[in-house]
Amino acid sequence: GVQTCALPISIDRHGDVVLPGGMDDRHYAANPVVTWNHDTARPPAGRSAWRRVTSGGVLARTVYPGRPADLDGTSAWTPDLAWALVRAGLLVGKSIGFLATRTRAATAAEIRARPELARARQVISEWLLLEYACVFLPANPETLVLPENAIRALGERTLELAWKRLRL
């Protein structure tokens, strides 16, 4: 299975705002695994096909590969479970694991444009993407799976518009 998610510019549960333009995913691109609830001791739930920075946030495509034919049939296959839960609407959260490399307070101009940013603990303007995860409870409650049929209907070049239209 395949699905797309969005990391919008908003205050997360920790009080942080992560700016999409500050993402550095060069290291992550070499091994783009998608974890299950940030658990690196468990096999990956999927892999990231791509990540795109837009003015509205970061969009990411997750691929949940099918079970390899040579894998013992009694062994759990995490991507099957993750994809089943995504399809059932039970696993629609995404979360990033990152290392902040530059932080600051929200600027006066940012607060004028978006008054809610006055409540931000910090703005993370540059960050190294370590991983992203399928999660039940994301730190940023707006980081959710986007319905694939809506994205296909709009076309991939308008993913940012899709996110804006589908945002809760």
C-alpha atoms as a PDB file:
ATOM      1  CA  GLY A   1       0.000   0.000   0.000  1.00  0.00           C
ATOM      2  CA  VAL A   2       0.935   3.627  -0.472  1.00  0.00           C
ATOM      3  CA  GLN A   3      -0.191   6.783   1.312  1.00  0.00           C
ATOM      4  CA  THR A   4       0.790  10.429   1.653  1.00  0.00           C
ATOM      5  CA  CYS A   5       0.948  12.536   4.782  1.00  0.00           C
ATOM      6  CA  ALA A   6       1.526  16.174   5.617  1.00  0.00           C
ATOM      7  CA  LEU A   7       3.542  17.886   8.348  1.00  0.00           C
ATOM      8  CA  PRO A   8       1.947  21.335   8.518  1.00  0.00           C
ATOM      9  CA  ILE A   9       3.359  24.518  10.021  1.00  0.00           C
ATOM     10  CA  SER A  10       1.619  24.542  13.387  1.00  0.00           C
ATOM     11  CA  ILE A  11       2.390  24.379  17.095  1.00  0.00           C
ATOM     12  CA  ASP A  12       2.884  20.820  18.296  1.00  0.00           C
ATOM     13  CA  ARG A  13       2.036  19.411  21.732  1.00  0.00           C
ATOM     14  CA  HIS A  14       5.521  20.383  22.988  1.00  0.00           C
ATOM     15  CA  GLY A  15       4.958  24.022  21.997  1.00  0.00           C
ATOM     16  CA  ASP A  16       7.378  23.812  19.065  1.00  0.00           C
ATOM     17  CA  VAL A  17       6.936  24.932  15.470  1.00  0.00           C
ATOM     18  CA  VAL A  18       9.025  22.997  12.948  1.00  0.00           C
ATOM     19  CA  LEU A  19       9.624  24.988   9.750  1.00  0.00           C
ATOM     20  CA  PRO A  20       9.494  22.786   6.641  1.00  0.00           C
ATOM     21  CA  GLY A  21      12.146  24.745   4.746  1.00  0.00           C
ATOM     22  CA  GLY A  22      14.668  23.888   7.457  1.00  0.00           C
ATOM     23  CA  MET A  23      14.505  20.132   6.807  1.00  0.00           C
ATOM     24  CA  ASP A  24      17.761  18.387   5.916  1.00  0.00           C
ATOM     25  CA  ASP A  25      16.949  14.828   4.852  1.00  0.00           C
ATOM     26  CA  ARG A  26      20.217  13.997   3.072  1.00  0.00           C
ATOM     27  CA  HIS A  27      21.250  11.388   5.663  1.00  0.00           C
ATOM     28  CA  TYR A  28      17.723   9.982   5.955  1.00  0.00           C
ATOM     29  CA  ALA A  29      17.514   9.531   2.168  1.00  0.00           C
ATOM     30  CA  ALA A  30      20.200   6.824   2.348  1.00  0.00           C
ATOM     31  CA  ASN A  31      17.953   4.638   4.542  1.00  0.00           C
ATOM     32  CA  PRO A  32      14.414   6.058   4.414  1.00  0.00           C
ATOM     33  CA  VAL A  33      12.637   3.685   6.793  1.00  0.00           C
ATOM     34  CA  VAL A  34       9.326   4.589   8.387  1.00  0.00           C
ATOM     35  CA  THR A  35       9.185   3.336  11.944  1.00  0.00           C
ATOM     36  CA  TRP A  36       6.297   2.079  14.065  1.00  0.00           C
ATOM     37  CA  ASN A  37       5.710   4.576  16.909  1.00  0.00           C
ATOM     38  CA  HIS A  38       9.384   5.657  16.718  1.00  0.00           C
ATOM     39  CA  ASP A  39      10.408   2.140  17.866  1.00  0.00           C
ATOM     40  CA  THR A  40      13.771   1.479  16.205  1.00  0.00           C
ATOM     41  CA  ALA A  41      14.024  -1.958  17.860  1.00  0.00           C
ATOM     42  CA  ARG A  42      11.006  -3.155  15.858  1.00  0.00           C
ATOM     43  CA  PRO A  43      11.160  -3.857  12.098  1.00  0.00           C
ATOM     44  CA  PRO A  44      10.135  -0.843   9.968  1.00  0.00           C
ATOM     45  CA  ALA A  45       6.489  -0.239   9.093  1.00  0.00           C
ATOM     46  CA  GLY A  46       7.420   1.001   5.618  1.00  0.00           C
ATOM     47  CA  ARG A  47       9.763   3.207   3.653  1.00  0.00           C
ATOM     48  CA  SER A  48       9.575   6.775   2.471  1.00  0.00           C
ATOM     49  CA  ALA A  49       9.394   7.075  -1.313  1.00  0.00           C
ATOM     50  CA  TRP A  50       9.860  10.844  -1.190  1.00  0.00           C
ATOM     51  CA  ARG A  51       9.593  13.936   0.944  1.00  0.00           C
ATOM     52  CA  ARG A  52       8.713  17.366  -0.439  1.00  0.00           C
ATOM     53  CA  VAL A  53       8.911  20.758   1.182  1.00  0.00           C
ATOM     54  CA  THR A  54       6.015  23.081   0.318  1.00  0.00           C
ATOM     55  CA  SER A  55       5.033  26.484   1.652  1.00  0.00           C
ATOM     56  CA  GLY A  56       2.364  24.760   3.770  1.00  0.00           C
ATOM     57  CA  GLY A  57       4.516  22.002   5.250  1.00  0.00           C
ATOM     58  CA  VAL A  58       6.369  18.810   4.411  1.00  0.00           C
ATOM     59  CA  LEU A  59       4.579  16.164   2.370  1.00  0.00           C
ATOM     60  CA  ALA A  60       5.828  12.577   2.474  1.00  0.00           C
ATOM     61  CA  ARG A  61       4.874   9.404   0.652  1.00  0.00           C
ATOM     62  CA  THR A  62       5.021   6.122   2.585  1.00  0.00           C
ATOM     63  CA  VAL A  63       5.174   2.727   0.878  1.00  0.00           C
ATOM     64  CA  TYR A  64       4.127  -0.348   2.856  1.00  0.00           C
ATOM     65  CA  PRO A  65       5.817  -3.243   0.999  1.00  0.00           C
ATOM     66  CA  GLY A  66       4.143  -6.624   0.750  1.00  0.00           C
ATOM     67  CA  ARG A  67       5.454  -9.625   2.636  1.00  0.00           C
ATOM     68  CA  PRO A  68       8.469 -11.195   0.884  1.00  0.00           C
ATOM     69  CA  ALA A  69       7.708 -14.668  -0.468  1.00  0.00           C
ATOM     70  CA  ASP A  70      10.696 -16.166   1.329  1.00  0.00           C
ATOM     71  CA  LEU A  71       9.682 -14.840   4.786  1.00  0.00           C
ATOM     72  CA  ASP A  72       8.387 -17.467   7.193  1.00  0.00           C
ATOM     73  CA  GLY A  73       4.586 -17.258   7.115  1.00  0.00           C
ATOM     74  CA  THR A  74       4.347 -17.315  10.910  1.00  0.00           C
ATOM     75  CA  SER A  75       6.557 -14.241  11.369  1.00  0.00           C
ATOM     76  CA  ALA A  76       4.847 -10.895  11.877  1.00  0.00           C
ATOM     77  CA  TRP A  77       5.217  -8.488   8.947  1.00  0.00           C
ATOM     78  CA  THR A  78       4.938  -4.971  10.400  1.00  0.00           C
ATOM     79  CA  PRO A  79       4.072  -3.268   7.064  1.00  0.00           C
ATOM     80  CA  ASP A  80       0.973  -5.504   6.698  1.00  0.00           C
ATOM     81  CA  LEU A  81      -0.306  -4.513  10.123  1.00  0.00           C
ATOM     82  CA  ALA A  82       0.515  -0.825   9.609  1.00  0.00           C
ATOM     83  CA  TRP A  83      -1.178  -0.702   6.185  1.00  0.00           C
ATOM     84  CA  ALA A  84      -4.266  -2.529   7.490  1.00  0.00           C
ATOM     85  CA  LEU A  85      -4.586  -0.018  10.346  1.00  0.00           C
ATOM     86  CA  VAL A  86      -4.101   2.943   7.967  1.00  0.00           C
ATOM     87  CA  ARG A  87      -6.846   1.604   5.678  1.00  0.00           C
ATOM     88  CA  ALA A  88      -9.132   1.080   8.681  1.00  0.00           C
ATOM     89  CA  GLY A  89      -8.599   4.683   9.777  1.00  0.00           C
ATOM     90  CA  LEU A  90      -6.951   3.624  13.037  1.00  0.00           C
ATOM     91  CA  LEU A  91      -3.365   4.659  12.265  1.00  0.00           C
ATOM     92  CA  VAL A  92      -3.577   8.052  10.603  1.00  0.00           C
ATOM     93  CA  GLY A  93      -0.936   9.936  12.582  1.00  0.00           C
ATOM     94  CA  LYS A  94       2.620  10.623  11.468  1.00  0.00           C
ATOM     95  CA  SER A  95       5.473  11.974  13.543  1.00  0.00           C
ATOM     96  CA  ILE A  96       9.033  13.030  12.828  1.00  0.00           C
ATOM     97  CA  GLY A  97      12.139  12.127  14.750  1.00  0.00           C
ATOM     98  CA  PHE A  98      14.626  14.932  14.224  1.00  0.00           C
ATOM     99  CA  LEU A  99      17.612  16.762  15.596  1.00  0.00           C
ATOM    100  CA  ALA A 100      17.113  20.531  15.848  1.00  0.00           C
ATOM    101  CA  THR A 101      20.189  22.315  14.520  1.00  0.00           C
ATOM    102  CA  ARG A 102      18.865  25.894  14.805  1.00  0.00           C
ATOM    103  CA  THR A 103      16.084  27.269  16.989  1.00  0.00           C
ATOM    104  CA  ARG A 104      14.752  30.722  17.716  1.00  0.00           C
ATOM    105  CA  ALA A 105      11.711  32.588  18.987  1.00  0.00           C
ATOM    106  CA  ALA A 106       8.902  33.474  16.591  1.00  0.00           C
ATOM    107  CA  THR A 107       9.564  36.839  14.955  1.00  0.00           C
ATOM    108  CA  ALA A 108       7.214  39.812  15.283  1.00  0.00           C
ATOM    109  CA  ALA A 109       6.371  39.506  11.578  1.00  0.00           C
ATOM    110  CA  GLU A 110       5.494  35.805  11.989  1.00  0.00           C
ATOM    111  CA  ILE A 111       3.289  36.577  14.975  1.00  0.00           C
ATOM    112  CA  ARG A 112       1.509  39.375  13.079  1.00  0.00           C
ATOM    113  CA  ALA A 113       0.838  36.961  10.213  1.00  0.00           C
ATOM    114  CA  ARG A 114      -0.133  34.075  12.516  1.00  0.00           C
ATOM    115  CA  PRO A 115      -0.982  35.291  16.046  1.00  0.00           C
ATOM    116  CA  GLU A 116      -1.045  31.738  17.452  1.00  0.00           C
ATOM    117  CA  LEU A 117       2.748  31.610  17.028  1.00  0.00           C
ATOM    118  CA  ALA A 118       3.038  33.913  20.056  1.00  0.00           C
ATOM    119  CA  ARG A 119       2.306  30.781  22.137  1.00  0.00           C
ATOM    120  CA  ALA A 120       5.182  28.802  20.570  1.00  0.00           C
ATOM    121  CA  ARG A 121       7.953  27.718  22.928  1.00  0.00           C
ATOM    122  CA  GLN A 122      10.412  27.811  20.032  1.00  0.00           C
ATOM    123  CA  VAL A 123      10.634  27.831  16.254  1.00  0.00           C
ATOM    124  CA  ILE A 124      12.852  25.086  14.868  1.00  0.00           C
ATOM    125  CA  SER A 125      14.207  26.742  11.747  1.00  0.00           C
ATOM    126  CA  GLU A 126      16.762  24.062  10.788  1.00  0.00           C
ATOM    127  CA  TRP A 127      16.590  20.349  11.540  1.00  0.00           C
ATOM    128  CA  LEU A 128      18.039  17.023  10.544  1.00  0.00           C
ATOM    129  CA  LEU A 129      15.393  14.405   9.744  1.00  0.00           C
ATOM    130  CA  LEU A 130      16.313  11.179  11.534  1.00  0.00           C
ATOM    131  CA  GLU A 131      13.123   9.236  10.819  1.00  0.00           C
ATOM    132  CA  TYR A 132       9.403   9.539  10.567  1.00  0.00           C
ATOM    133  CA  ALA A 133       6.910   7.185  12.081  1.00  0.00           C
ATOM    134  CA  CYS A 134       3.413   5.797  11.817  1.00  0.00           C
ATOM    135  CA  VAL A 135       1.902   6.743  15.166  1.00  0.00           C
ATOM    136  CA  PHE A 136      -1.407   6.600  16.945  1.00  0.00           C
ATOM    137  CA  LEU A 137      -0.875   9.919  18.777  1.00  0.00           C
ATOM    138  CA  PRO A 138       1.380  12.367  16.887  1.00  0.00           C
ATOM    139  CA  ALA A 139       3.147  15.212  18.709  1.00  0.00           C
ATOM    140  CA  ASN A 140       1.650  17.504  16.079  1.00  0.00           C
ATOM    141  CA  PRO A 141      -2.049  16.585  15.972  1.00  0.00           C
ATOM    142  CA  GLU A 142      -2.369  18.011  12.464  1.00  0.00           C
ATOM    143  CA  THR A 143       0.221  15.626  10.983  1.00  0.00           C
ATOM    144  CA  LEU A 144      -2.125  13.141   9.382  1.00  0.00           C
ATOM    145  CA  VAL A 145      -2.471  10.759   6.461  1.00  0.00           C
ATOM    146  CA  LEU A 146      -4.135  12.380   3.458  1.00  0.00           C
ATOM    147  CA  PRO A 147      -6.818  10.386   1.618  1.00  0.00           C
ATOM    148  CA  GLU A 148      -5.129   8.946  -1.470  1.00  0.00           C
ATOM    149  CA  ASN A 149      -8.225   9.202  -3.676  1.00  0.00           C
ATOM    150  CA  ALA A 150      -8.363  12.966  -3.105  1.00  0.00           C
ATOM    151  CA  ILE A 151      -4.682  13.328  -3.966  1.00  0.00           C
ATOM    152  CA  ARG A 152      -5.072  11.278  -7.158  1.00  0.00           C
ATOM    153  CA  ALA A 153      -8.117  13.339  -8.158  1.00  0.00           C
ATOM    154  CA  LEU A 154      -6.216  16.585  -7.733  1.00  0.00           C
ATOM    155  CA  GLY A 155      -2.948  15.351  -9.234  1.00  0.00           C
ATOM    156  CA  GLU A 156       0.443  15.126  -7.600  1.00  0.00           C
ATOM    157  CA  ARG A 157       1.447  18.636  -8.648  1.00  0.00           C
ATOM    158  CA  THR A 158      -1.291  20.012  -6.414  1.00  0.00           C
ATOM    159  CA  LEU A 159      -0.475  18.039  -3.245  1.00  0.00           C
ATOM    160  CA  GLU A 160      -0.125  21.247  -1.273  1.00  0.00           C
ATOM    161  CA  LEU A 161      -3.605  22.330  -2.347  1.00  0.00           C
ATOM    162  CA  ALA A 162      -4.912  18.892  -1.383  1.00  0.00           C
ATOM    163  CA  TRP A 163      -3.466  19.274   2.079  1.00  0.00           C
ATOM    164  CA  LYS A 164      -5.031  22.717   2.505  1.00  0.00           C
ATOM    165  CA  ARG A 165      -8.448  21.445   1.378  1.00  0.00           C
ATOM    166  CA  LEU A 166      -8.321  18.334   3.556  1.00  0.00           C
ATOM    167  CA  ARG A 167      -6.891  19.917   6.694  1.00  0.00           C
ATOM    168  CA  LEU A 168      -9.087  19.378   9.740  1.00  0.00           C
END
